[in-house]
N, C-alpha and C. Protein backbone atom coordinates (compact mmCIF):
# COMPACT_ATOMS: atom_id res chain seq x y z
N UNK A 1 69.96 138.64 126.29
CA UNK A 1 69.98 137.18 125.51
C UNK A 1 69.73 135.93 126.51
N UNK A 2 69.30 135.05 126.42
CA UNK A 2 69.60 133.99 127.25
C UNK A 2 70.50 133.21 127.04
N UNK A 3 71.05 132.77 127.91
CA UNK A 3 72.60 131.63 127.64
C UNK A 3 71.79 130.14 127.37
N UNK A 4 72.06 129.28 126.40
CA UNK A 4 71.90 128.16 126.62
C UNK A 4 72.81 126.92 127.17
N UNK A 5 72.93 126.72 128.26
CA UNK A 5 73.40 125.96 128.94
C UNK A 5 73.24 124.73 129.36
N UNK A 6 73.97 123.95 129.95
CA UNK A 6 73.89 122.36 130.50
C UNK A 6 72.09 122.19 130.97
N UNK A 7 71.43 121.05 130.43
CA UNK A 7 69.97 120.90 130.84
C UNK A 7 69.85 119.57 131.44
N UNK A 8 69.38 119.82 132.76
CA UNK A 8 69.04 118.17 133.58
C UNK A 8 68.21 116.93 132.24
N UNK A 9 68.69 116.11 132.12
CA UNK A 9 69.09 114.97 131.30
C UNK A 9 68.71 113.79 132.28
N UNK A 10 67.64 113.15 131.98
CA UNK A 10 67.28 112.10 132.77
C UNK A 10 67.26 110.85 131.24
N UNK A 11 67.75 109.90 131.96
CA UNK A 11 67.82 108.45 130.85
C UNK A 11 67.34 107.35 131.75
N UNK A 12 66.36 106.70 131.05
CA UNK A 12 66.19 105.49 131.92
C UNK A 12 67.35 104.24 132.24
N UNK A 13 66.66 103.89 133.09
CA UNK A 13 67.25 102.54 133.73
C UNK A 13 67.85 101.64 132.44
N UNK A 14 69.17 101.59 132.87
CA UNK A 14 70.11 100.77 131.48
C UNK A 14 70.32 101.25 129.95
N UNK A 15 70.15 102.22 129.86
CA UNK A 15 70.28 103.00 129.07
C UNK A 15 71.12 103.88 128.75
N UNK A 16 72.05 104.45 129.55
CA UNK A 16 73.02 105.23 129.99
C UNK A 16 74.10 104.31 129.64
N UNK A 17 75.24 105.06 128.76
CA UNK A 17 76.38 104.73 128.65
C UNK A 17 77.29 104.22 129.65
N UNK A 18 78.29 103.36 129.83
CA UNK A 18 79.01 103.00 130.76
C UNK A 18 80.09 103.76 131.17
N UNK A 19 79.83 104.50 132.43
CA UNK A 19 80.72 105.09 133.46
C UNK A 19 81.88 104.72 133.91
N UNK A 20 83.26 105.10 133.36
CA UNK A 20 83.94 104.62 134.46
C UNK A 20 84.19 104.78 135.80
N UNK A 21 84.83 103.83 136.64
CA UNK A 21 84.53 103.52 138.05
C UNK A 21 85.46 104.15 138.64
N UNK A 22 85.57 104.68 139.72
CA UNK A 22 86.59 105.61 140.45
C UNK A 22 87.72 105.12 140.17
N UNK A 23 88.85 105.60 139.70
CA UNK A 23 90.50 105.41 139.60
C UNK A 23 90.76 103.54 139.02
N UNK A 24 89.51 103.48 137.72
CA UNK A 24 90.30 102.60 136.70
C UNK A 24 89.39 102.94 135.36
N UNK A 25 89.72 103.70 135.31
CA UNK A 25 89.37 104.19 133.89
C UNK A 25 88.96 103.22 132.78
N UNK A 26 87.91 103.64 132.01
CA UNK A 26 87.18 102.45 131.11
C UNK A 26 86.87 101.20 131.79
N UNK A 27 86.43 101.18 133.23
CA UNK A 27 85.64 100.06 133.62
C UNK A 27 84.65 100.15 133.81
N UNK A 28 83.56 99.90 133.61
CA UNK A 28 82.28 100.04 134.15
C UNK A 28 81.86 100.52 135.38
N UNK A 29 81.10 101.26 135.96
CA UNK A 29 80.59 101.21 137.56
C UNK A 29 79.76 100.54 137.52
N UNK A 30 79.53 99.48 138.84
CA UNK A 30 78.97 98.17 138.85
C UNK A 30 77.56 98.65 139.20
N UNK A 31 76.27 97.71 138.87
CA UNK A 31 75.12 98.22 139.42
C UNK A 31 75.31 97.76 140.89
N UNK A 32 75.98 97.30 141.59
CA UNK A 32 75.75 96.78 142.56
C UNK A 32 76.28 98.07 143.74
N UNK A 33 76.83 99.24 143.02
CA UNK A 33 77.05 100.42 144.10
C UNK A 33 76.66 100.52 145.42
N UNK A 34 77.41 100.29 146.43
CA UNK A 34 76.81 100.37 147.89
C UNK A 34 76.69 102.13 148.14
N UNK A 35 76.21 101.86 149.53
CA UNK A 35 76.13 103.15 150.04
C UNK A 35 77.23 103.49 150.54
N UNK A 36 77.97 104.64 150.59
CA UNK A 36 78.71 104.69 152.22
C UNK A 36 78.60 104.58 153.45
N UNK A 37 79.35 103.92 154.19
CA UNK A 37 78.67 103.45 155.26
C UNK A 37 78.73 105.23 156.32
N UNK A 38 78.30 105.22 157.68
CA UNK A 38 78.06 106.70 158.38
C UNK A 38 79.50 107.06 158.85
N UNK A 39 80.22 106.18 158.74
CA UNK A 39 81.77 106.06 159.39
C UNK A 39 82.38 106.77 158.35
N UNK A 40 81.91 106.86 157.72
CA UNK A 40 83.10 107.50 156.35
C UNK A 40 82.66 108.80 156.17
N UNK A 41 81.61 109.69 157.11
CA UNK A 41 81.64 110.93 156.82
C UNK A 41 81.86 111.07 158.77
N UNK A 42 82.17 109.92 159.22
CA UNK A 42 82.38 110.68 160.74
C UNK A 42 83.57 111.10 160.75
N UNK A 43 84.38 111.99 160.07
CA UNK A 43 85.77 112.38 160.07
C UNK A 43 85.72 114.06 159.57
N UNK A 44 86.74 114.89 160.01
CA UNK A 44 87.06 116.02 159.58
C UNK A 44 86.34 116.56 158.52
N UNK A 45 85.78 117.53 157.78
CA UNK A 45 85.45 117.92 156.43
C UNK A 45 86.98 118.01 155.55
N UNK A 46 87.69 118.63 155.85
CA UNK A 46 89.21 118.48 154.90
C UNK A 46 89.55 117.16 154.83
N UNK A 47 89.18 116.08 155.57
CA UNK A 47 89.36 114.36 155.15
C UNK A 47 88.30 113.69 154.02
N UNK A 48 86.87 114.24 154.42
CA UNK A 48 86.10 113.59 153.57
C UNK A 48 86.11 114.20 152.17
N UNK A 49 86.14 115.44 152.35
CA UNK A 49 86.24 116.10 150.83
C UNK A 49 86.72 115.43 149.51
N UNK A 50 88.33 115.29 150.02
CA UNK A 50 89.04 114.60 148.59
C UNK A 50 88.61 113.37 148.61
N UNK A 51 88.21 112.57 149.40
CA UNK A 51 87.81 111.51 149.46
C UNK A 51 86.46 110.92 148.39
N UNK A 52 85.96 111.80 148.36
CA UNK A 52 84.14 112.21 147.72
C UNK A 52 84.68 112.06 146.33
N UNK A 53 85.97 113.00 146.21
CA UNK A 53 86.02 113.22 144.55
C UNK A 53 86.32 111.40 143.51
N UNK A 54 85.29 111.78 142.65
CA UNK A 54 85.14 110.73 141.70
C UNK A 54 84.37 109.53 142.00
N UNK A 55 83.35 110.10 143.37
CA UNK A 55 82.29 109.25 143.77
C UNK A 55 80.98 109.12 142.75
N UNK A 56 79.98 108.63 142.96
CA UNK A 56 79.05 108.33 142.19
C UNK A 56 77.96 108.89 143.08
N UNK A 57 77.08 109.90 142.71
CA UNK A 57 75.92 109.92 143.46
C UNK A 57 74.84 109.46 142.14
N UNK A 58 74.02 108.78 143.16
CA UNK A 58 72.90 108.14 142.45
C UNK A 58 71.66 108.33 142.79
N UNK A 59 70.27 108.26 142.35
CA UNK A 59 69.10 108.27 142.97
C UNK A 59 67.90 107.77 141.92
N UNK A 60 67.57 106.83 142.58
CA UNK A 60 66.37 106.31 141.37
C UNK A 60 64.88 107.07 141.78
N UNK A 61 64.24 107.62 140.88
CA UNK A 61 62.92 108.03 140.96
C UNK A 61 61.84 107.12 140.88
N UNK A 62 61.04 107.60 141.76
CA UNK A 62 59.70 106.81 141.73
C UNK A 62 59.22 106.08 140.27
N UNK A 63 59.74 106.65 139.18
CA UNK A 63 59.26 105.51 138.31
C UNK A 63 60.53 104.83 137.13
N UNK A 64 61.31 105.23 137.86
CA UNK A 64 62.58 103.96 137.97
C UNK A 64 63.70 104.48 137.36
N UNK A 65 63.05 105.88 136.74
CA UNK A 65 64.47 106.67 136.56
C UNK A 65 65.50 106.23 137.15
N UNK A 66 66.93 106.26 136.86
CA UNK A 66 68.12 106.64 137.70
C UNK A 66 68.81 107.57 136.91
N UNK A 67 69.09 108.59 138.14
CA UNK A 67 69.87 109.45 137.61
C UNK A 67 71.38 109.39 138.52
N UNK A 68 72.07 109.93 137.94
CA UNK A 68 73.73 109.64 138.62
C UNK A 68 74.77 110.85 138.11
N UNK A 69 75.36 111.09 139.07
CA UNK A 69 76.34 111.87 138.56
C UNK A 69 77.97 111.59 139.42
N UNK A 70 78.76 112.23 139.05
CA UNK A 70 80.24 111.94 139.44
C UNK A 70 80.38 113.51 140.20
N UNK A 71 81.27 113.31 141.28
CA UNK A 71 81.78 114.57 142.30
C UNK A 71 82.73 114.63 141.44
N UNK A 72 83.14 115.40 141.33
CA UNK A 72 84.22 116.30 140.46
C UNK A 72 84.68 117.65 141.19
N UNK A 73 84.22 117.73 141.82
CA UNK A 73 84.81 119.35 143.00
C UNK A 73 84.35 119.07 144.53
N UNK A 74 84.97 119.52 145.34
CA UNK A 74 84.78 119.44 146.80
C UNK A 74 85.32 121.08 147.12
N UNK A 75 84.72 120.85 148.49
CA UNK A 75 84.98 122.50 149.08
C UNK A 75 84.79 121.60 150.47
N UNK A 76 85.85 122.23 151.62
CA UNK A 76 85.58 121.63 152.73
C UNK A 76 86.12 122.59 153.40
N UNK A 77 85.51 122.52 154.68
CA UNK A 77 85.83 124.09 155.71
C UNK A 77 85.56 123.57 157.30
N UNK A 78 86.51 124.22 158.11
CA UNK A 78 86.48 123.78 159.45
C UNK A 78 84.96 125.04 160.35
N UNK A 79 84.61 124.35 161.12
CA UNK A 79 83.75 125.45 161.72
C UNK A 79 84.13 126.96 161.73
N UNK A 80 85.69 127.09 162.23
CA UNK A 80 85.95 128.20 162.80
C UNK A 80 86.95 128.80 161.56
N UNK A 81 86.39 128.83 160.25
CA UNK A 81 86.47 129.33 159.12
C UNK A 81 85.90 130.43 158.48
N UNK A 82 85.93 131.38 158.69
CA UNK A 82 85.07 132.44 158.17
C UNK A 82 84.39 132.31 156.66
N UNK A 83 85.04 131.48 156.00
CA UNK A 83 84.03 131.09 154.92
C UNK A 83 82.94 129.74 155.08
N UNK A 84 83.10 129.35 155.94
CA UNK A 84 82.50 128.32 156.34
C UNK A 84 80.49 128.68 156.80
N UNK A 85 79.39 127.84 156.66
CA UNK A 85 78.61 128.67 156.56
C UNK A 85 78.09 128.48 157.97
N UNK A 86 78.56 127.57 158.53
CA UNK A 86 78.51 127.52 159.73
C UNK A 86 79.48 128.47 160.65
N UNK A 87 80.38 129.37 160.36
CA UNK A 87 81.02 129.74 161.25
C UNK A 87 80.61 131.03 162.10
N UNK A 88 79.40 131.61 161.90
CA UNK A 88 78.16 132.45 162.56
C UNK A 88 77.66 131.93 163.32
N UNK A 89 77.27 130.67 163.42
CA UNK A 89 76.60 129.50 164.21
C UNK A 89 75.04 129.37 163.80
């Protein structure tokens, strides 16, 4: 039996319902959302991970379709942690 799970859904630009912004329930995300600077990521992963929670990832496809997703979970490991993909080099 095949399970019916969530499927990718594409929404044309401007047709998606408003999404609450980070830390501001009920307030729509601005269309002028900016990219995070490289300096945001120039920290240890255990610091960056929690700061990514609630952020919106967005990608505009060639046909103008805007894909968005909210980060709801992160995992962060140091290089010396056996659970890290980089642990063995």
